[in-house]
Protein backbone atom coordinates (compact mmCIF):
# COMPACT_ATOMS: atom_id res chain seq x y z
CA MET A 1 -8.40 15.13 4.21
CA THR A 2 -10.03 12.09 5.85
CA ALA A 3 -7.80 9.02 5.88
CA ALA A 4 -9.04 5.88 4.16
CA ILE A 5 -8.31 3.96 7.34
CA GLU A 6 -6.83 5.02 10.65
CA ALA A 7 -5.90 3.68 14.07
CA ARG A 8 -5.82 6.19 16.92
CA ASP A 9 -3.99 5.26 20.14
CA VAL A 10 -4.90 1.60 19.70
CA SER A 11 -3.86 -0.85 22.42
CA PHE A 12 -4.48 -4.58 22.44
CA SER A 13 -3.32 -7.42 24.68
CA PHE A 14 -3.47 -11.18 24.42
CA GLY A 15 -4.26 -12.00 28.03
CA SER A 16 -1.58 -10.27 30.09
CA THR A 17 0.76 -9.84 27.12
CA PRO A 18 0.58 -6.44 25.38
CA ALA A 19 0.62 -6.67 21.58
CA LEU A 20 -0.10 -3.03 20.73
CA ARG A 21 0.63 0.03 22.87
CA SER A 22 -1.11 3.28 21.87
CA ALA A 23 -0.42 2.66 18.19
CA HIS A 24 -1.39 5.35 15.71
CA VAL A 25 -1.32 5.11 11.93
CA ALA A 26 -3.31 6.76 9.15
CA VAL A 27 -3.39 5.52 5.56
CA ALA A 28 -4.43 7.83 2.73
CA ALA A 29 -6.83 6.73 0.03
CA GLY A 30 -4.92 4.93 -2.72
CA GLU A 31 -1.74 4.70 -0.64
CA VAL A 32 0.32 1.52 -0.37
CA LEU A 33 1.58 1.35 3.23
CA ALA A 34 4.09 -1.24 4.44
CA VAL A 35 3.94 -2.23 8.11
CA MET A 36 7.37 -3.53 9.03
CA GLY A 37 8.83 -5.06 12.13
CA PRO A 38 10.37 -8.25 13.53
CA SER A 39 8.34 -11.33 14.41
CA GLY A 40 6.18 -10.65 17.46
CA SER A 41 6.40 -6.87 17.14
CA GLY A 42 2.62 -6.41 16.80
CA LYS A 43 2.42 -5.67 13.09
CA SER A 44 -0.12 -8.40 12.28
CA THR A 45 -2.16 -7.44 15.34
CA LEU A 46 -2.25 -3.88 14.03
CA LEU A 47 -3.51 -5.14 10.67
CA HIS A 48 -6.19 -7.25 12.35
CA CYS A 49 -7.37 -4.25 14.38
CA LEU A 50 -7.48 -2.05 11.28
CA ALA A 51 -9.48 -4.73 9.47
CA GLY A 52 -12.01 -5.12 12.27
CA ILE A 53 -10.97 -8.71 12.95
CA LEU A 54 -9.81 -7.79 16.45
CA VAL A 55 -11.45 -5.18 18.67
CA PRO A 56 -8.90 -2.95 20.45
CA ASP A 57 -8.85 -2.82 24.24
CA SER A 58 -8.65 0.95 23.89
CA GLY A 59 -8.36 3.53 21.13
CA GLU A 60 -10.30 3.91 17.91
CA VAL A 61 -10.26 2.49 14.37
CA LEU A 62 -11.87 4.57 11.64
CA VAL A 63 -12.72 3.82 8.00
CA ALA A 64 -13.35 6.94 5.90
CA GLY A 65 -13.88 8.85 9.13
CA ARG A 66 -16.40 6.40 10.59
CA ARG A 67 -15.48 4.54 13.76
CA ILE A 68 -15.71 0.76 13.26
CA ASP A 69 -14.23 -0.73 16.45
CA SER A 70 -17.47 -0.07 18.32
CA LEU A 71 -19.66 -1.76 15.70
CA PRO A 72 -21.33 -5.12 16.42
CA GLU A 73 -19.53 -8.15 15.03
CA ALA A 74 -22.18 -8.63 12.32
CA GLU A 75 -21.55 -5.12 10.98
CA ARG A 76 -17.79 -5.53 11.11
CA SER A 77 -18.15 -8.85 9.26
CA ALA A 78 -20.22 -7.13 6.58
CA LEU A 79 -17.57 -4.42 6.32
CA ARG A 80 -14.86 -7.02 5.76
CA ARG A 81 -17.02 -8.76 3.16
CA ASP A 82 -18.16 -5.70 1.24
CA ARG A 83 -15.35 -3.15 1.51
CA PHE A 84 -12.14 -5.00 2.39
CA GLY A 85 -10.02 -7.57 0.59
CA PHE A 86 -7.46 -9.92 2.14
CA VAL A 87 -4.34 -11.78 1.03
CA PHE A 88 -2.54 -13.95 3.58
CA GLN A 89 0.85 -15.63 3.67
CA PHE A 90 -0.31 -19.09 2.64
CA GLY A 91 -3.19 -18.00 0.40
CA GLN A 92 -5.76 -19.96 2.40
CA LEU A 93 -7.59 -21.18 -0.69
CA VAL A 94 -10.51 -23.55 -0.18
CA PRO A 95 -9.09 -26.88 -1.43
CA GLU A 96 -12.46 -28.30 -2.53
CA LEU A 97 -13.07 -25.38 -4.91
CA THR A 98 -11.54 -24.69 -8.31
CA ALA A 99 -9.34 -21.66 -8.76
CA GLU A 100 -12.14 -19.64 -10.38
CA GLU A 101 -14.56 -20.63 -7.60
CA ASN A 102 -12.03 -19.48 -5.01
CA VAL A 103 -11.73 -16.12 -6.74
CA ALA A 104 -15.51 -15.79 -7.00
CA LEU A 105 -16.08 -16.63 -3.34
CA PRO A 106 -16.30 -13.04 -2.00
CA LEU A 107 -18.85 -12.21 -4.69
CA LEU A 108 -20.91 -15.30 -3.94
CA LEU A 109 -20.89 -14.48 -0.23
CA GLY A 110 -22.02 -10.98 -1.13
CA GLY A 111 -25.07 -12.28 -2.97
CA VAL A 112 -23.88 -12.09 -6.59
CA ARG A 113 -25.40 -14.77 -8.82
CA ARG A 114 -23.05 -17.69 -9.40
CA ARG A 115 -22.88 -17.22 -13.18
CA ASP A 116 -22.05 -13.53 -12.84
CA ALA A 117 -19.59 -14.11 -10.02
CA LEU A 118 -17.67 -16.71 -12.02
CA ALA A 119 -17.64 -14.48 -15.08
CA ARG A 120 -16.10 -11.64 -13.06
CA ALA A 121 -13.63 -14.03 -11.47
CA ARG A 122 -12.41 -15.28 -14.85
CA THR A 123 -11.46 -11.76 -15.96
CA TRP A 124 -8.66 -11.81 -13.38
CA PHE A 125 -6.89 -14.89 -14.69
CA PRO A 126 -5.24 -13.31 -17.76
CA LEU A 127 -4.45 -10.17 -15.72
CA LEU A 128 -2.43 -12.21 -13.22
CA ASP A 129 -0.79 -14.61 -15.68
CA LEU A 130 -3.15 -17.43 -14.68
CA ALA A 131 -4.96 -18.07 -17.96
CA GLY A 132 -5.79 -21.76 -18.36
CA LEU A 133 -5.74 -22.51 -14.62
CA GLU A 134 -9.36 -21.65 -13.88
CA GLN A 135 -10.44 -25.26 -13.24
CA ARG A 136 -7.47 -26.36 -11.17
CA ARG A 137 -7.71 -26.89 -7.44
CA SER A 138 -5.19 -25.51 -4.96
CA GLY A 139 -3.27 -28.80 -4.79
CA GLU A 140 -2.62 -28.55 -8.52
CA LEU A 141 -1.13 -25.04 -8.33
CA SER A 142 2.41 -23.92 -7.57
CA GLY A 143 2.93 -21.64 -4.57
CA GLY A 144 3.16 -18.58 -6.78
CA GLN A 145 0.08 -19.54 -8.76
CA ALA A 146 -1.93 -20.16 -5.59
CA GLN A 147 -0.90 -16.80 -4.17
CA ARG A 148 -1.92 -15.03 -7.37
CA VAL A 149 -5.30 -16.76 -7.16
CA ALA A 150 -5.52 -15.48 -3.57
CA LEU A 151 -4.68 -11.98 -4.83
CA ALA A 152 -7.45 -12.21 -7.43
CA ARG A 153 -9.85 -13.30 -4.70
CA GLY A 154 -8.81 -10.33 -2.59
CA MET A 155 -9.34 -7.87 -5.44
CA VAL A 156 -12.34 -9.31 -7.33
CA ALA A 157 -14.93 -7.34 -5.36
CA GLU A 158 -12.96 -4.10 -5.93
CA PRO A 159 -12.34 -3.43 -2.22
CA GLU A 160 -11.61 0.00 -0.82
CA VAL A 161 -8.77 -1.46 1.27
CA LEU A 162 -6.65 -4.55 0.59
CA PHE A 163 -4.94 -6.09 3.63
CA ALA A 164 -1.93 -8.23 2.75
CA ASP A 165 -0.28 -10.12 5.62
CA GLU A 166 3.17 -11.44 4.60
CA PRO A 167 1.86 -12.19 1.08
CA THR A 168 5.26 -13.37 -0.16
CA GLY A 169 6.46 -15.07 3.04
CA ALA A 170 6.02 -18.59 1.64
CA LEU A 171 7.47 -17.80 -1.81
CA ASP A 172 10.97 -17.72 -3.25
CA SER A 173 12.36 -14.25 -3.94
CA LEU A 174 11.73 -14.22 -7.71
CA THR A 175 8.14 -15.45 -7.38
CA GLY A 176 7.59 -13.05 -4.49
CA GLU A 177 8.68 -10.10 -6.59
CA HIS A 178 6.30 -11.14 -9.36
CA VAL A 179 3.41 -11.37 -6.89
CA MET A 180 4.25 -7.95 -5.43
CA GLU A 181 4.42 -6.33 -8.86
CA LEU A 182 0.98 -7.71 -9.67
CA LEU A 183 -0.46 -6.82 -6.25
CA VAL A 184 0.73 -3.22 -6.29
CA GLY A 185 -0.03 -2.76 -9.98
CA SER A 186 -3.58 -4.09 -9.61
CA ALA A 187 -4.19 -1.88 -6.57
CA ARG A 188 -2.85 1.26 -8.23
CA ASP A 189 -4.90 0.66 -11.36
CA ARG A 190 -8.06 0.62 -9.24
CA GLY A 191 -7.15 3.21 -6.60
CA THR A 192 -7.22 0.58 -3.86
CA THR A 193 -5.61 1.41 -0.52
CA VAL A 194 -3.16 -1.30 0.58
CA VAL A 195 -1.95 -2.16 4.08
CA LEU A 196 0.96 -4.56 3.63
CA VAL A 197 2.53 -6.40 6.58
CA THR A 198 6.04 -7.69 5.95
CA HIS A 199 9.41 -8.16 7.63
CA GLU A 200 11.26 -8.03 4.30
CA ALA A 201 12.76 -4.75 3.10
CA ARG A 202 12.59 -5.84 -0.55
CA VAL A 203 8.82 -6.29 -0.21
CA ALA A 204 8.33 -3.03 1.69
CA ALA A 205 10.18 -1.22 -1.11
CA TYR A 206 7.06 -1.59 -3.27
CA ALA A 207 5.13 0.66 -0.86
CA ASP A 208 4.75 4.43 -0.88
CA ARG A 209 5.58 4.63 2.82
CA GLU A 210 6.65 2.41 5.70
CA VAL A 211 5.55 2.17 9.30
CA VAL A 212 7.95 0.40 11.66
CA VAL A 213 6.39 -1.41 14.63
CA ARG A 214 8.54 -2.42 17.61
CA ASP A 215 7.26 -3.84 20.88
CA GLY A 216 3.72 -2.91 19.96
CA ARG A 217 4.52 0.73 19.21
CA VAL A 218 4.70 2.57 15.93
CA THR A 219 8.26 3.84 16.30
CA ALA A 220 9.00 5.37 12.92
CA LEU A 221 7.37 6.79 9.83
CA VAL A 222 9.90 6.70 7.02
CA PRO A 223 9.99 6.82 3.20
CA ALA A 224 9.66 3.39 1.62
CA GLY A 225 12.97 1.56 1.37
CA ASP A 226 14.62 3.41 4.25
CA ALA A 227 13.42 1.39 7.23
CA PRO A 228 16.17 -0.10 9.39
């Protein structure tokens, strides 16, 4: 069966410093995969290569069997806009926009009419315990609320793959668990494939499977919850 997304022998360096060394990972459709490893291990670089943000120095990245690392930047940008969703550690909401406008942003960039985009965005607020916060700006939200808005933004366009890079890293443990429950639950309800970067075992435990990255290499494939 063709993987939803796959890296084959991917290497990448920042200048003379290797970040990935012949890394290989394949993620099945609908799977939640945790990419674990210490700071500087290469796990975020792997995510960025899988998402087409970075182009590997060597190796291949495939989405549904189609190679994407050799595509022009404009096509990779369209892929990220139309088929991928993203949630980052600090949410990265646009401070000038309301919460509902932030959620609607991927739809607006994709050409959906503003009225329709906002209507679709609002449907996510009760699902993520955000009802009543639609008109607030990021400075008026708690960290957990802002991250749930970021999750809604990542999921609103119903992406094939959701990339989550340390999505609970800036949250306390209780809030982080709530965000992870909503993230994984929303993805499973929609059959979304998730690539989750984390250094926390309690976060990785929400995944179906873990990949451990050390010194730029994928060193272990283990059941979720068993990574060292």
